[in-house]
Protein backbone atom coordinates (compact mmCIF):
# COMPACT_ATOMS: atom_id res chain seq x y z
CA MET A 1 -9.88 -33.08 -25.34
CA TYR A 2 -10.67 -32.82 -21.75
CA ARG A 3 -14.47 -31.81 -20.77
CA THR A 4 -13.24 -28.65 -18.78
CA THR A 5 -11.41 -27.54 -22.26
CA ARG A 6 -14.49 -27.64 -24.48
CA ARG A 7 -16.00 -25.85 -22.17
CA CYS A 8 -14.03 -22.73 -21.74
CA LEU A 9 -13.90 -23.01 -25.47
CA ALA A 10 -17.52 -22.93 -25.70
CA SER A 11 -17.40 -19.33 -23.73
CA ALA A 12 -16.06 -17.84 -26.74
CA ALA A 13 -18.95 -18.06 -28.87
CA VAL A 14 -20.38 -16.06 -25.80
CA LYS A 15 -18.43 -13.13 -26.12
CA ARG A 16 -20.36 -10.95 -28.67
CA PHE A 17 -23.76 -11.43 -26.79
CA LEU A 18 -21.92 -9.89 -23.49
CA ARG A 19 -20.37 -7.34 -25.30
CA GLN A 20 -23.37 -6.24 -25.76
CA SER A 21 -25.11 -6.54 -22.66
CA ASP A 22 -26.48 -3.60 -20.87
CA ALA A 23 -25.28 -3.46 -17.05
CA GLU A 24 -28.29 -4.09 -15.45
CA THR A 25 -28.26 -7.36 -17.06
CA ARG A 26 -24.68 -8.32 -15.56
CA ASN A 27 -25.63 -6.64 -12.41
CA ASN A 28 -28.53 -8.93 -11.58
CA ALA A 29 -26.50 -12.01 -12.66
CA VAL A 30 -24.11 -10.98 -10.05
CA THR A 31 -26.91 -9.88 -7.53
CA LEU A 32 -28.56 -13.74 -8.27
CA PHE A 33 -25.63 -15.18 -7.81
CA ARG A 34 -24.65 -13.88 -4.13
CA ALA A 35 -28.41 -14.95 -3.80
CA LYS A 36 -27.93 -18.30 -4.79
CA LEU A 37 -24.88 -18.57 -2.56
CA LYS A 38 -26.76 -17.76 0.57
CA GLN A 39 -29.52 -20.10 -0.42
CA ARG A 40 -26.50 -22.92 -0.68
CA ARG A 41 -24.32 -21.53 2.77
CA ASP A 42 -24.92 -24.50 4.76
CA GLN A 43 -24.00 -26.86 1.89
CA LEU A 44 -21.08 -24.41 1.03
CA PHE A 45 -19.96 -25.19 4.70
CA GLU A 46 -19.96 -28.90 4.82
CA ALA A 47 -18.36 -29.28 1.24
CA ASN A 48 -15.80 -27.26 2.24
CA LEU A 49 -15.30 -29.24 5.67
CA GLY A 50 -14.82 -32.30 3.54
CA ASP A 51 -12.35 -30.72 1.40
CA CYS A 52 -9.94 -29.65 4.23
CA THR A 53 -10.37 -32.94 5.84
CA ARG A 54 -9.30 -34.80 2.77
CA PHE A 55 -6.02 -32.19 2.68
CA ALA A 56 -5.08 -33.07 5.91
CA ASP A 57 -5.50 -36.89 5.95
CA GLY A 58 -2.22 -38.26 5.90
CA ARG A 59 -0.33 -35.07 5.12
CA GLU A 60 2.54 -33.75 7.68
CA PRO A 61 1.59 -30.52 9.71
CA THR A 62 4.47 -28.34 8.39
CA GLU A 63 4.12 -24.53 8.37
CA GLU A 64 3.08 -24.64 4.49
CA THR A 65 0.53 -27.36 4.96
CA LEU A 66 -0.97 -25.20 7.86
CA ARG A 67 -1.03 -22.06 5.98
CA THR A 68 -2.64 -23.99 3.19
CA ALA A 69 -5.44 -25.53 5.31
CA ASP A 70 -6.26 -22.23 6.80
CA GLN A 71 -6.32 -20.28 3.77
CA MET A 72 -8.45 -23.08 2.13
CA TYR A 73 -11.08 -22.72 5.07
CA LEU A 74 -14.31 -21.10 4.32
CA THR A 75 -15.37 -19.39 7.95
CA ALA A 76 -18.29 -17.74 8.32
CA LEU A 77 -16.62 -14.14 8.62
CA ALA A 78 -14.97 -14.85 5.47
CA PHE A 79 -18.01 -16.04 3.59
CA SER A 80 -20.02 -12.80 4.53
CA LYS A 81 -17.10 -10.67 3.27
CA ALA A 82 -17.24 -12.70 -0.23
CA THR A 83 -20.90 -11.81 -0.50
CA ARG A 84 -20.06 -8.30 0.59
CA ASP A 85 -17.94 -8.11 -2.29
CA LEU A 86 -20.55 -9.37 -4.68
CA ASP A 87 -22.58 -6.10 -3.36
CA GLU A 88 -19.42 -3.62 -3.89
CA ILE A 89 -18.70 -5.38 -7.45
CA VAL A 90 -22.86 -4.58 -8.23
CA GLU A 91 -22.01 -0.88 -7.17
CA MET A 92 -18.71 -0.89 -9.19
CA ARG A 93 -18.19 1.62 -12.08
CA ASP A 94 -19.59 -0.11 -15.55
CA TRP A 95 -16.26 0.41 -17.80
CA LEU A 96 -18.09 -1.41 -20.71
CA ASN A 97 -18.17 0.69 -23.63
CA SER A 98 -17.49 3.81 -21.72
CA VAL A 99 -15.27 6.53 -23.37
CA SER A 100 -12.27 7.11 -21.79
CA ALA A 101 -10.97 10.05 -23.79
CA GLU A 102 -12.35 12.16 -27.19
CA TRP A 103 -11.24 14.80 -29.88
CA GLU A 104 -11.20 15.81 -33.38
CA THR A 105 -8.60 15.71 -36.05
CA GLU A 106 -7.28 19.29 -37.67
CA ASN A 107 -9.30 17.50 -40.49
CA LYS A 108 -12.78 17.47 -38.91
CA VAL A 109 -12.20 13.55 -38.13
CA SER A 110 -14.16 12.91 -34.59
CA VAL A 111 -12.10 9.92 -32.70
CA LYS A 112 -13.52 8.50 -29.23
CA ARG A 113 -11.15 6.02 -27.55
CA VAL A 114 -14.13 3.54 -25.82
CA ARG A 115 -13.34 0.65 -23.22
CA ALA A 116 -13.72 -2.70 -24.74
CA PRO A 117 -13.52 -6.58 -22.88
CA VAL A 118 -10.49 -8.47 -23.62
CA GLY A 119 -12.86 -11.09 -25.00
CA SER A 120 -12.22 -14.06 -22.83
CA VAL A 121 -10.60 -14.38 -19.39
CA LEU A 122 -8.93 -17.49 -17.55
CA VAL A 123 -8.25 -16.69 -14.13
CA ALA A 124 -6.04 -19.32 -12.45
CA HIS A 125 -5.49 -18.99 -8.50
CA GLY A 126 -5.52 -21.49 -4.89
CA VAL A 127 -7.24 -22.95 -2.62
CA ASN A 128 -9.15 -19.76 -1.11
CA PRO A 129 -12.88 -20.32 -1.52
CA ALA A 130 -13.74 -16.39 -0.65
CA ASP A 131 -11.11 -15.49 -3.89
CA THR A 132 -13.03 -17.59 -6.43
CA ILE A 133 -16.50 -15.99 -5.21
CA LYS A 134 -14.83 -12.60 -5.66
CA TYR A 135 -13.30 -13.28 -9.04
CA THR A 136 -16.52 -14.93 -10.61
CA GLY A 137 -17.84 -11.41 -9.68
CA LEU A 138 -15.68 -9.70 -11.28
CA VAL A 139 -15.25 -11.41 -14.55
CA LEU A 140 -18.96 -11.53 -14.68
CA LYS A 141 -19.57 -7.75 -14.16
CA SER A 142 -16.93 -7.09 -16.46
CA GLY A 143 -18.67 -8.30 -19.80
CA ASN A 144 -16.13 -10.78 -20.40
CA ALA A 145 -16.40 -14.35 -20.71
CA GLY A 146 -14.28 -16.15 -18.12
CA THR A 147 -12.90 -19.42 -16.48
CA ILE A 148 -12.02 -19.29 -12.95
CA LYS A 149 -9.93 -22.09 -12.14
CA PRO A 150 -9.01 -22.73 -8.41
CA SER A 151 -7.14 -25.38 -7.25
CA ALA A 152 -8.94 -28.86 -7.12
CA SER A 153 -8.04 -29.32 -3.62
CA VAL A 154 -10.86 -27.57 -2.94
CA SER A 155 -13.43 -29.38 -5.27
CA GLN A 156 -16.47 -30.01 -3.69
CA THR A 157 -16.62 -26.33 -2.67
CA SER A 158 -15.55 -24.95 -5.84
CA GLU A 159 -18.89 -27.34 -7.58
CA ILE A 160 -21.34 -25.80 -4.94
CA ILE A 161 -20.01 -22.65 -5.83
CA ALA A 162 -20.47 -23.22 -9.76
CA GLU A 163 -23.96 -24.43 -9.07
CA ALA A 164 -24.83 -21.19 -7.70
CA LEU A 165 -23.18 -19.56 -10.78
CA ARG A 166 -25.05 -21.63 -13.30
CA GLU A 167 -28.69 -21.04 -11.57
CA ALA A 168 -27.79 -17.46 -11.29
CA LEU A 169 -27.00 -16.85 -15.01
CA HIS A 170 -30.13 -19.13 -16.12
CA GLU A 171 -32.50 -16.98 -14.07
CA ALA A 172 -30.58 -13.55 -15.78
CA ASP A 173 -31.09 -14.79 -19.21
CA MET A 174 -27.11 -15.21 -19.72
CA PRO A 175 -25.72 -18.23 -21.85
CA GLU A 176 -24.48 -20.92 -19.20
CA GLY A 177 -21.17 -20.33 -20.65
CA ALA A 178 -20.58 -16.70 -20.23
CA VAL A 179 -18.32 -17.83 -16.73
CA SER A 180 -17.75 -21.35 -15.78
CA ILE A 181 -15.33 -22.54 -13.02
CA ALA A 182 -13.26 -25.35 -13.66
CA CYS A 183 -13.69 -27.33 -9.97
CA ARG A 184 -11.51 -30.44 -10.41
CA CYS A 185 -9.16 -28.74 -13.21
CA SER A 186 -5.85 -31.31 -12.93
CA HIS A 187 -2.49 -30.18 -14.00
CA ASP A 188 -3.14 -31.78 -17.62
CA GLU A 189 -5.96 -30.33 -18.31
CA TYR A 190 -5.19 -26.61 -17.26
CA ALA A 191 -1.98 -27.14 -19.52
CA GLU A 192 -4.41 -28.22 -21.92
CA MET A 193 -6.41 -25.10 -21.21
CA LEU A 194 -3.51 -23.01 -21.57
CA LYS A 195 -2.22 -24.75 -24.88
CA ALA A 196 -5.85 -23.62 -26.48
CA VAL A 197 -5.56 -20.22 -25.48
CA PRO A 198 -6.32 -17.52 -27.58
CA ALA A 199 -8.62 -19.71 -28.75
CA ALA A 200 -10.34 -20.55 -25.76
CA HIS A 201 -9.16 -16.78 -23.75
CA ASP A 202 -7.42 -13.91 -24.33
CA LEU A 203 -5.98 -13.12 -21.28
CA VAL A 204 -4.68 -15.26 -18.91
CA ILE A 205 -4.33 -13.84 -14.65
CA ALA A 206 -2.26 -16.36 -12.68
CA ILE A 207 -2.22 -15.77 -9.06
CA GLY A 208 -0.20 -17.42 -6.75
CA SER A 209 3.43 -19.22 -6.58
CA LYS A 210 6.09 -18.41 -8.80
CA GLY A 211 5.55 -22.04 -9.83
CA LEU A 212 2.10 -21.66 -11.26
CA HIS A 213 3.45 -18.14 -12.89
CA ALA A 214 6.42 -20.33 -14.47
CA PHE A 215 4.06 -23.19 -15.32
CA THR A 216 1.61 -20.83 -16.87
CA HIS A 217 4.00 -18.58 -18.84
CA GLU A 218 5.69 -21.99 -20.40
CA ARG A 219 1.94 -23.07 -22.04
CA THR A 220 0.54 -20.20 -23.14
CA THR A 221 1.20 -17.46 -26.01
CA ALA A 222 -1.82 -15.41 -24.48
CA PRO A 223 -0.70 -12.43 -22.32
CA VAL A 224 -0.32 -13.37 -18.75
CA VAL A 225 -0.96 -11.34 -15.61
CA SER A 226 1.21 -12.53 -13.16
CA LEU A 227 0.06 -11.59 -9.17
CA GLY A 228 2.08 -12.84 -6.17
CA PRO A 229 4.37 -13.65 -4.05
CA ALA A 230 4.61 -10.47 -3.17
CA VAL A 231 7.82 -9.21 -0.93
CA THR A 232 7.42 -6.36 1.07
CA TYR A 233 9.55 -4.48 3.15
CA MET A 234 9.83 -1.18 5.27
CA TYR A 235 12.80 1.02 6.26
CA ILE A 236 12.89 2.76 9.74
CA HIS A 237 14.91 5.84 9.22
CA VAL A 238 16.83 7.19 12.34
CA ASP A 239 14.33 10.27 12.60
CA ALA A 240 11.14 8.39 12.28
CA GLU A 241 9.12 8.39 15.46
CA PRO A 242 8.99 5.44 18.22
CA VAL A 243 5.47 5.54 18.74
CA GLN A 244 4.48 5.28 15.26
CA VAL A 245 6.92 3.08 14.20
CA THR A 246 5.75 0.62 16.69
CA ARG A 247 1.86 1.37 15.16
CA LEU A 248 2.94 0.65 12.13
CA VAL A 249 5.13 -2.55 12.27
CA LYS A 250 2.71 -4.27 14.95
CA ASN A 251 -0.38 -3.32 11.86
CA ALA A 252 2.24 -4.71 9.11
CA LYS A 253 3.35 -7.74 10.84
CA LEU A 254 0.34 -8.59 13.18
CA GLN A 255 -2.95 -7.78 11.74
CA ALA A 256 -2.72 -10.59 9.30
CA PRO A 257 0.57 -12.83 9.08
CA LEU A 258 -0.21 -14.79 5.90
CA ALA A 259 -1.78 -11.99 4.03
CA PHE A 260 0.22 -10.95 0.86
CA ASN A 261 0.70 -7.63 1.96
CA ALA A 262 2.46 -8.08 5.91
CA VAL A 263 5.56 -6.87 5.92
CA ASP A 264 8.26 -9.79 5.67
CA HIS A 265 11.35 -7.30 5.95
CA ILE A 266 12.71 -4.45 8.05
CA LEU A 267 15.49 -2.45 7.40
CA VAL A 268 16.66 -0.03 10.33
CA HIS A 269 18.88 3.08 10.19
CA GLU A 270 21.96 2.55 12.26
CA ASP A 271 21.12 5.31 14.53
CA TYR A 272 17.36 4.46 15.43
CA THR A 273 17.64 4.11 19.22
CA ARG A 274 14.32 2.10 20.18
CA LEU A 275 14.93 -0.94 18.16
CA GLY A 276 15.18 -2.95 20.90
CA GLU A 277 11.73 -2.01 22.27
CA LEU A 278 10.30 -2.99 19.02
CA VAL A 279 11.91 -6.36 18.56
CA LEU A 280 10.93 -7.33 22.06
CA GLU A 281 7.38 -6.20 21.42
CA LEU A 282 7.24 -8.41 18.56
CA GLN A 283 8.80 -11.50 19.89
CA GLU A 284 5.92 -11.03 22.91
CA ALA A 285 3.39 -11.23 20.27
CA GLY A 286 4.65 -14.47 18.94
CA THR A 287 6.89 -13.24 15.97
CA VAL A 288 10.23 -14.79 14.89
CA VAL A 289 12.58 -12.63 14.52
CA TYR A 290 15.79 -12.97 12.32
CA ALA A 291 18.22 -10.65 12.18
CA ASP A 292 21.47 -9.61 10.39
CA LYS A 293 24.97 -9.67 12.12
CA ARG A 294 24.62 -5.78 12.76
CA THR A 295 21.83 -5.81 14.53
CA ARG A 296 22.69 -9.18 16.93
CA LYS A 297 25.63 -6.88 17.77
CA ARG A 298 23.46 -3.84 18.89
CA LEU A 299 20.96 -5.65 20.40
CA PRO A 300 23.50 -8.42 22.48
CA GLU A 301 20.78 -8.76 25.37
CA VAL A 302 18.17 -9.28 22.89
CA SER A 303 17.54 -13.37 21.69
CA LEU A 304 17.74 -13.02 17.71
CA SER A 305 17.56 -15.82 15.09
CA GLU A 306 20.87 -15.66 12.79
CA VAL A 307 19.47 -14.70 9.33
CA ASP A 308 20.22 -16.68 5.88
CA ARG A 309 20.28 -14.52 3.09
CA ARG A 310 18.09 -16.32 1.03
CA MET A 311 15.31 -14.78 3.45
CA TYR A 312 15.83 -11.63 1.99
CA ARG A 313 14.01 -12.20 -1.10
CA SER A 314 11.08 -14.27 0.41
CA GLU A 315 7.80 -14.02 1.55
CA PHE A 316 7.38 -15.62 4.59
CA ARG A 317 3.41 -15.99 4.62
CA SER A 318 3.64 -16.37 8.41
CA ASN A 319 4.49 -14.23 11.66
CA SER A 320 8.28 -13.94 10.80
CA VAL A 321 10.38 -11.06 9.96
CA THR A 322 14.05 -10.47 9.27
CA ILE A 323 15.53 -6.64 10.33
CA ARG A 324 18.79 -5.68 8.81
CA THR A 325 20.85 -2.50 9.94
CA VAL A 326 21.47 -0.08 7.26
CA SER A 327 23.92 2.99 7.64
CA ALA A 328 21.61 5.69 5.16
CA LEU A 329 18.69 6.00 3.33
CA ASP A 330 20.80 5.38 -0.13
CA GLU A 331 21.81 2.22 1.33
CA ALA A 332 18.18 1.00 2.36
CA VAL A 333 17.10 1.87 -1.19
CA ALA A 334 19.98 -0.09 -2.60
CA VAL A 335 19.31 -3.15 -0.53
CA LEU A 336 15.20 -2.99 -1.58
CA ASN A 337 15.99 -2.91 -5.18
CA HIS A 338 18.25 -5.87 -4.84
CA ASP A 339 16.37 -8.17 -2.87
CA GLY A 340 12.80 -7.15 -2.90
CA SER A 341 10.20 -7.42 -5.31
CA PRO A 342 8.52 -4.62 -6.92
CA HIS A 343 5.66 -4.87 -4.69
CA ALA A 344 5.44 -2.48 -1.79
CA SER A 345 7.85 -0.60 0.01
CA THR A 346 7.71 1.57 2.78
CA ILE A 347 9.35 4.41 4.37
CA VAL A 348 8.59 5.77 8.30
CA THR A 349 10.60 8.90 8.74
CA ARG A 350 9.16 12.76 9.57
CA ASN A 351 10.96 14.29 6.90
CA ASP A 352 8.61 15.02 3.52
CA GLU A 353 12.07 15.09 1.14
CA LEU A 354 13.67 12.13 2.64
CA ALA A 355 10.23 10.22 1.37
CA ALA A 356 9.99 11.67 -1.52
CA LYS A 357 13.19 10.69 -2.61
CA PHE A 358 12.44 7.30 -1.25
CA GLN A 359 9.47 7.25 -3.08
CA ASP A 360 11.33 8.09 -6.47
CA ASP A 361 14.12 5.86 -6.11
CA VAL A 362 12.68 2.39 -4.74
CA ASP A 363 11.24 -0.10 -7.61
CA ALA A 364 8.01 -0.55 -5.92
CA VAL A 365 4.60 -0.31 -7.40
CA LEU A 366 3.37 1.12 -4.22
CA ALA A 367 5.70 3.04 -2.47
CA PHE A 368 4.51 3.99 0.84
CA HIS A 369 5.19 7.12 3.55
CA ASN A 370 4.19 6.92 7.38
CA THR A 371 1.84 4.26 5.97
CA SER A 372 0.93 0.25 6.63
CA PRO A 373 1.82 -2.06 3.64
CA ARG A 374 -1.66 -3.53 4.60
CA PHE A 375 -3.19 -0.99 2.12
CA ALA A 376 -1.70 -2.60 -0.43
CA ASP A 377 -4.30 -4.19 -2.03
CA SER A 378 -7.14 -2.79 -4.53
CA GLU A 379 -9.65 -2.03 -1.76
CA GLY A 380 -6.97 -0.68 0.51
CA LEU A 381 -6.43 1.45 -2.50
CA ALA A 382 -10.15 2.79 -2.56
CA LEU A 383 -10.41 0.55 -5.74
CA GLY A 384 -13.09 -1.97 -4.75
CA PRO A 385 -12.83 -5.95 -4.88
CA GLY A 386 -9.94 -6.62 -7.39
CA PHE A 387 -7.60 -9.50 -8.14
CA GLY A 388 -4.87 -8.18 -6.38
CA VAL A 389 -1.29 -6.30 -7.48
CA ALA A 390 0.89 -7.40 -10.62
CA ALA A 391 4.44 -6.57 -9.68
CA SER A 392 5.94 -7.90 -12.62
CA GLY A 393 5.64 -8.26 -16.60
CA PRO A 394 4.17 -5.91 -18.96
CA TYR A 395 1.83 -4.04 -16.28
CA ARG A 396 2.28 -3.27 -13.20
CA GLY A 397 -0.26 -1.94 -10.51
CA ALA A 398 -3.28 -3.00 -8.88
CA VAL A 399 -5.53 -5.58 -10.75
CA SER A 400 -9.35 -4.92 -11.00
CA ILE A 401 -12.61 -4.61 -13.16
CA ARG A 402 -10.76 -1.85 -15.00
CA GLU A 403 -7.84 -4.08 -16.56
CA LEU A 404 -10.12 -6.28 -17.78
CA PHE A 405 -10.37 -3.73 -20.96
CA THR A 406 -8.68 -3.35 -24.08
CA GLU A 407 -9.43 -0.07 -25.91
CA LYS A 408 -11.06 0.49 -29.19
CA TYR A 409 -11.22 4.06 -31.41
CA VAL A 410 -14.76 4.80 -32.72
CA VAL A 411 -14.18 7.49 -35.80
CA SER A 412 -16.80 9.64 -37.53
CA SER A 413 -16.97 12.29 -39.88
CA ILE A 414 -19.16 13.89 -42.74
CA GLY A 415 -17.41 11.78 -45.65
CA ARG A 416 -13.94 13.28 -44.77
CA THR A 417 -11.06 11.30 -46.92
CA ARG A 418 -7.26 11.90 -45.87
CA PRO A 419 -5.49 14.82 -47.88
CA ASP A 420 -2.75 13.43 -50.19
CA GLN A 421 0.65 14.44 -48.24
CA THR A 422 3.06 13.03 -50.71
CA ALA A 423 4.31 16.39 -51.71
CA GLU A 424 4.87 17.15 -48.26
CA VAL A 425 6.93 14.15 -46.88
CA ASN A 426 10.46 13.84 -47.31
CA PRO A 427 10.96 10.24 -47.66
CA VAL A 428 14.85 10.06 -46.53
CA VAL A 429 13.65 12.40 -43.66
CA ALA A 430 10.59 10.38 -43.00
CA PHE A 431 12.66 6.89 -42.66
CA GLY A 432 15.03 9.05 -40.14
CA LYS A 433 17.69 8.54 -42.77
CA ASN A 434 18.78 12.48 -43.01
């Protein structure tokens, strides 16, 4: 058995301690984690530079490798944001053992529905060290045991973060195995960790590519919440206000082209007259614009790249976008539900009734009206730092601390016994055979 897997199994033994821990203890651990990271700031940057250098050595500078290198590089700004996330996590509501509902039955039995931690959580994600810091804080705050598994490509960076975590747990008088970071976890080790589930973990959160999702689902029987990739669409209706359209599209595409909630595909009503100006503004900002035949016919004076239909289901994670012409709202919704992912879709229109119909009909976790899809994450929805948005599987929605809990029912009375109901129930009717 790999050492990483043994460490994960050991973390299951501390579930009871964490389940009974108070908010002050867990908040103190997160605060200490932040302080230990800040003490190691220079070490962290040095280790991260080494990881980035090793990743770049011998690799062709393709779009994919450049995107990965950008994500794994820990800037001073990203580190500052990660430590602020930890401050926000401390201030977030403590859901552990909170009562979500309570009632009394007709037999005078008191029932409370109480939030309980799922037990132990495995979070597998990519190369972004700031995410490793944030996810560690979220799991630690929740009262779950857990393992954070970043990509092995950032192993040295992860080891500095893990060192800070171990010191924080020790000073907070929490078990070392409460939350751990699998710094050099290979594919084989990850596979073994998954096979050890549910002995090691009760929930797996897989954040990344479809390949990661498939690899995870195929090797575990534990519940899996999959986040990303996220295909994001916008629909511009004929009555959309041009200045608003430009502002929303530029924010959705240009603010952070590598972000999962950047717009990938734009549908435009055939009678919207300001499309040419919008395309030129995007191109001036360096956006590669792919267009269907109808759009290219509408804009013969504009140089547009021909779209490949396979692009319509792609998340670009680059400064690229497709533009497609549609005849009506119903066609736009049909296109979105066929080609889009159930992640985020936006309509730009002055017609509130039309917007409400769009939001009802489109199969998306987040359906926006006159709002940039850049709000499509936990923080954009004012839910605080989170893991992301799940668009498929048994759970769909924003995933943050609140989603790391299950429910238990606390039932009490003054010695009530259940009445004998056999005389009142027709067994044929009870089995639905009437």
